[in-house]
């Protein structure tokens, strides 16, 4: 028996190493492998960590609370506009798989506000809906950005620290196609990133887009956005800021209370709602300056390659584990 277990262990290690170092699979194989892996590993994607310094966020999720799906990765690699992530005709089918009626009420309140202040429509999933949002329990707060393009329920995870109006609205805006506000290409005119205070290895959580049309929809920078990072996001010491305004202030951004006027303007513009009008004004920076030079790890497209490889590696290791399980069953089942 001991010999069999040793053989099984060696086989598993060999398979895992091969999977980790294997050449990139075809697009179809990668899609299927990633899909199966993600379907079987929901808790690992949203387990709460302390790096974001807010309940519900995880340091090995993209920007703390974004579950990258295949369409997100493709879009980031070619700097796609967020219009490619929208829900057709602004209609968003959904299910709520949460038993707490107070929590359900908070989710439905968010739907009502969005419908009252835009042309979007949330409705309960019907039998022929292939794509829909699925609000469900998780060990944190997380969502994909926009419609994933993968048939089935697209999870919006809500767990400890997530059941409040602001966080639910924040995650819902992600699911409608929004990244974080400080990802904008013009952010260095408005905020400073204090790289020395960022937890080592998490520098690429402060991605800045290379193209204006990816994130801002032509609107002014919005300190008050519900989508803005807080002042100590991903800090190695949560008493020290990783983000300040140009004058050094840490006040007036990172709120999770409700939509700002610019949030609502961008939502209406993204979905081509009638009567959108001109964007509201935003506060101007009090002092013009430049942010610290970012580390090499967040320049160019290297961060895209790393996030893509993270998912590929996890998916391949999961597949290797499945093969190992089958081999173990085969070997131990033989006399």
Foldseek 3Di string as FASTA:
>chain_A
DVVLVVVLVVLLVVLLVCLLPPPDDDPVVLQVLLVVLCVVDVQVQFAFDPLQVAFFFDLLDQLTAANDAPVNLVCQVVVNALLVQADPLQEAAEDEPDDPVLLVVLLVVLQVVLVVLAVHHYDHDDPPQQWHEYEDEYNGFHFHAGTRPHGDYGYGYAYPRQRDNLNSNLSVNRHRRAAALQQEQPNQQWKAFPQVFADPPRLQSRHHGPDRSRHQLPADRAQQASRYRAQDGRGPDSVDGRMATPVRHRPRHNDRHDGDQQNSLVSRVSSVTPPSDDGDDHDGGPDGDGYPDGDPCRPDCNVSVVSVSVSSSSSSSVVSVVVSVVVSCVSVVDD
